[in-house]
Amino acid sequence: MNTQKIRSLTCCCCGEETKGRQWYNRDTGFGLCAQCAQWIGARETAEEMLSRYGHRSIHYDLPEVAHA
């Protein structure tokens, strides 16, 4: 289980605010919103997604956060 708190981040793709956990390979304060994760995920491999954005449902696209 991840012990990092969920925080407000800026989506590194579209610039919108999103909720997530910081990934070490992403600039501080930036993450990935659910909509961009779906769009990018259809174009990149699972390994690329993990390397660039972290773990789905831990760092981005969180199930405990309501998606608008």
N, C-alpha and C. Protein backbone atom coordinates (compact mmCIF):
# COMPACT_ATOMS: atom_id res chain seq x y z
N MET A 1 0.84 -1.19 0.00
CA MET A 1 0.00 0.00 0.00
C MET A 1 0.88 1.25 0.00
N ASN A 2 0.47 2.25 -0.73
CA ASN A 2 1.23 3.49 -0.81
C ASN A 2 0.86 4.39 0.35
N THR A 3 1.86 4.93 1.02
CA THR A 3 1.61 5.78 2.19
C THR A 3 1.60 7.26 1.85
N GLN A 4 1.91 7.61 0.61
CA GLN A 4 1.85 9.02 0.21
C GLN A 4 0.41 9.51 0.26
N LYS A 5 0.23 10.75 0.67
CA LYS A 5 -1.10 11.35 0.67
C LYS A 5 -1.49 11.75 -0.74
N ILE A 6 -2.79 11.66 -1.00
CA ILE A 6 -3.32 12.15 -2.27
C ILE A 6 -3.24 13.67 -2.23
N ARG A 7 -2.79 14.26 -3.32
CA ARG A 7 -2.65 15.72 -3.36
C ARG A 7 -3.09 16.27 -4.70
N SER A 8 -3.26 17.56 -4.74
CA SER A 8 -3.59 18.22 -6.00
C SER A 8 -2.32 18.32 -6.84
N LEU A 9 -2.43 17.91 -8.08
CA LEU A 9 -1.32 17.96 -9.03
C LEU A 9 -1.80 18.63 -10.30
N THR A 10 -0.89 19.05 -11.12
CA THR A 10 -1.19 19.57 -12.44
C THR A 10 -0.90 18.48 -13.46
N CYS A 11 -1.86 18.20 -14.33
CA CYS A 11 -1.65 17.18 -15.35
C CYS A 11 -0.53 17.63 -16.29
N CYS A 12 0.45 16.79 -16.47
CA CYS A 12 1.61 17.12 -17.30
C CYS A 12 1.26 17.11 -18.79
N CYS A 13 0.07 16.64 -19.13
CA CYS A 13 -0.34 16.59 -20.53
C CYS A 13 -1.25 17.77 -20.90
N CYS A 14 -2.33 17.97 -20.14
CA CYS A 14 -3.31 19.00 -20.50
C CYS A 14 -3.26 20.24 -19.62
N GLY A 15 -2.58 20.16 -18.47
CA GLY A 15 -2.46 21.31 -17.58
C GLY A 15 -3.59 21.49 -16.60
N GLU A 16 -4.58 20.61 -16.62
CA GLU A 16 -5.71 20.70 -15.69
C GLU A 16 -5.30 20.18 -14.31
N GLU A 17 -6.04 20.60 -13.29
CA GLU A 17 -5.79 20.08 -11.95
C GLU A 17 -6.30 18.65 -11.86
N THR A 18 -5.58 17.82 -11.13
CA THR A 18 -5.97 16.44 -10.92
C THR A 18 -5.55 16.04 -9.51
N LYS A 19 -6.05 14.93 -9.04
CA LYS A 19 -5.66 14.38 -7.74
C LYS A 19 -4.82 13.14 -7.99
N GLY A 20 -3.74 13.01 -7.24
CA GLY A 20 -2.88 11.85 -7.39
C GLY A 20 -1.77 11.86 -6.36
N ARG A 21 -0.81 10.99 -6.58
CA ARG A 21 0.37 10.91 -5.73
C ARG A 21 1.59 11.16 -6.61
N GLN A 22 2.56 11.86 -6.07
CA GLN A 22 3.75 12.23 -6.82
C GLN A 22 4.52 10.99 -7.26
N TRP A 23 4.92 10.94 -8.52
CA TRP A 23 5.77 9.88 -9.05
C TRP A 23 7.19 10.43 -9.14
N TYR A 24 8.18 9.65 -8.76
CA TYR A 24 9.55 10.13 -8.67
C TYR A 24 10.10 10.62 -10.02
N ASN A 25 9.61 10.10 -11.10
CA ASN A 25 10.13 10.42 -12.43
C ASN A 25 9.35 11.56 -13.10
N ARG A 26 8.61 12.31 -12.32
CA ARG A 26 7.78 13.41 -12.82
C ARG A 26 8.17 14.65 -12.02
N ASP A 27 8.20 15.80 -12.67
CA ASP A 27 8.50 17.04 -11.95
C ASP A 27 7.55 17.20 -10.77
N THR A 28 8.07 17.75 -9.68
CA THR A 28 7.28 17.97 -8.48
C THR A 28 6.04 18.80 -8.79
N GLY A 29 4.90 18.31 -8.34
CA GLY A 29 3.63 19.00 -8.54
C GLY A 29 2.88 18.59 -9.79
N PHE A 30 3.47 17.68 -10.57
CA PHE A 30 2.83 17.24 -11.81
C PHE A 30 2.50 15.76 -11.75
N GLY A 31 1.39 15.41 -12.37
CA GLY A 31 0.93 14.03 -12.45
C GLY A 31 0.21 13.84 -13.77
N LEU A 32 -0.77 12.95 -13.78
CA LEU A 32 -1.52 12.64 -15.00
C LEU A 32 -2.99 12.51 -14.64
N CYS A 33 -3.85 13.24 -15.36
CA CYS A 33 -5.29 13.14 -15.10
C CYS A 33 -5.84 11.87 -15.75
N ALA A 34 -7.03 11.47 -15.32
CA ALA A 34 -7.65 10.22 -15.80
C ALA A 34 -7.92 10.27 -17.31
N GLN A 35 -8.38 11.42 -17.81
CA GLN A 35 -8.68 11.51 -19.24
C GLN A 35 -7.42 11.38 -20.08
N CYS A 36 -6.36 12.06 -19.68
CA CYS A 36 -5.10 11.96 -20.42
C CYS A 36 -4.49 10.57 -20.28
N ALA A 37 -4.65 9.94 -19.11
CA ALA A 37 -4.15 8.59 -18.91
C ALA A 37 -4.81 7.62 -19.89
N GLN A 38 -6.09 7.79 -20.10
CA GLN A 38 -6.80 6.93 -21.05
C GLN A 38 -6.29 7.18 -22.47
N TRP A 39 -6.13 8.45 -22.84
CA TRP A 39 -5.68 8.80 -24.18
C TRP A 39 -4.24 8.33 -24.42
N ILE A 40 -3.35 8.64 -23.48
CA ILE A 40 -1.94 8.26 -23.63
C ILE A 40 -1.78 6.74 -23.53
N GLY A 41 -2.52 6.12 -22.62
CA GLY A 41 -2.43 4.68 -22.42
C GLY A 41 -2.78 3.87 -23.66
N ALA A 42 -3.59 4.43 -24.53
CA ALA A 42 -3.94 3.74 -25.78
C ALA A 42 -2.80 3.83 -26.79
N ARG A 43 -1.81 4.67 -26.53
CA ARG A 43 -0.73 4.91 -27.49
C ARG A 43 0.64 4.46 -26.99
N GLU A 44 0.77 4.16 -25.70
CA GLU A 44 2.04 3.78 -25.12
C GLU A 44 1.94 2.39 -24.50
N THR A 45 3.08 1.76 -24.32
CA THR A 45 3.10 0.44 -23.69
C THR A 45 2.92 0.59 -22.18
N ALA A 46 2.60 -0.50 -21.54
CA ALA A 46 2.46 -0.51 -20.08
C ALA A 46 3.78 -0.11 -19.41
N GLU A 47 4.89 -0.55 -19.98
CA GLU A 47 6.20 -0.21 -19.42
C GLU A 47 6.48 1.29 -19.53
N GLU A 48 6.11 1.90 -20.65
CA GLU A 48 6.29 3.35 -20.81
C GLU A 48 5.41 4.11 -19.83
N MET A 49 4.18 3.67 -19.66
CA MET A 49 3.26 4.33 -18.73
C MET A 49 3.82 4.27 -17.31
N LEU A 50 4.30 3.12 -16.90
CA LEU A 50 4.86 2.96 -15.57
C LEU A 50 6.09 3.85 -15.38
N SER A 51 6.98 3.84 -16.33
CA SER A 51 8.20 4.63 -16.23
C SER A 51 7.92 6.12 -16.15
N ARG A 52 6.97 6.59 -16.92
CA ARG A 52 6.71 8.03 -17.02
C ARG A 52 5.72 8.57 -16.00
N TYR A 53 4.72 7.76 -15.61
CA TYR A 53 3.61 8.28 -14.80
C TYR A 53 3.37 7.54 -13.49
N GLY A 54 3.96 6.39 -13.31
CA GLY A 54 3.75 5.62 -12.09
C GLY A 54 2.71 4.53 -12.28
N HIS A 55 2.17 4.08 -11.19
CA HIS A 55 1.19 2.99 -11.19
C HIS A 55 -0.22 3.54 -11.27
N ARG A 56 -0.99 3.03 -12.24
CA ARG A 56 -2.40 3.40 -12.33
C ARG A 56 -3.09 3.01 -11.03
N SER A 57 -3.95 3.83 -10.56
CA SER A 57 -4.76 3.69 -9.33
C SER A 57 -3.94 3.88 -8.05
N ILE A 58 -2.64 4.16 -8.18
CA ILE A 58 -1.82 4.56 -7.03
C ILE A 58 -1.34 6.00 -7.23
N HIS A 59 -0.78 6.28 -8.41
CA HIS A 59 -0.26 7.62 -8.70
C HIS A 59 -1.21 8.45 -9.55
N TYR A 60 -2.00 7.83 -10.38
CA TYR A 60 -2.97 8.53 -11.24
C TYR A 60 -4.19 7.64 -11.44
N ASP A 61 -5.28 8.26 -11.91
CA ASP A 61 -6.54 7.54 -12.13
C ASP A 61 -6.96 6.78 -10.87
N LEU A 62 -7.03 7.52 -9.76
CA LEU A 62 -7.30 6.93 -8.45
C LEU A 62 -8.77 6.52 -8.31
N PRO A 63 -9.03 5.31 -7.87
CA PRO A 63 -10.42 4.87 -7.71
C PRO A 63 -11.15 5.62 -6.59
N GLU A 64 -10.40 6.11 -5.59
CA GLU A 64 -11.05 6.78 -4.45
C GLU A 64 -11.36 8.24 -4.72
N VAL A 65 -11.00 8.73 -5.91
CA VAL A 65 -11.25 10.11 -6.29
C VAL A 65 -12.33 10.11 -7.38
N ALA A 66 -13.40 10.86 -7.17
CA ALA A 66 -14.47 10.95 -8.17
C ALA A 66 -13.95 11.66 -9.41
N HIS A 67 -14.19 11.08 -10.57
CA HIS A 67 -13.78 11.67 -11.84
C HIS A 67 -14.93 12.48 -12.41
N ALA A 68 -14.64 13.68 -12.81
CA ALA A 68 -15.66 14.56 -13.39
C ALA A 68 -15.90 14.22 -14.85
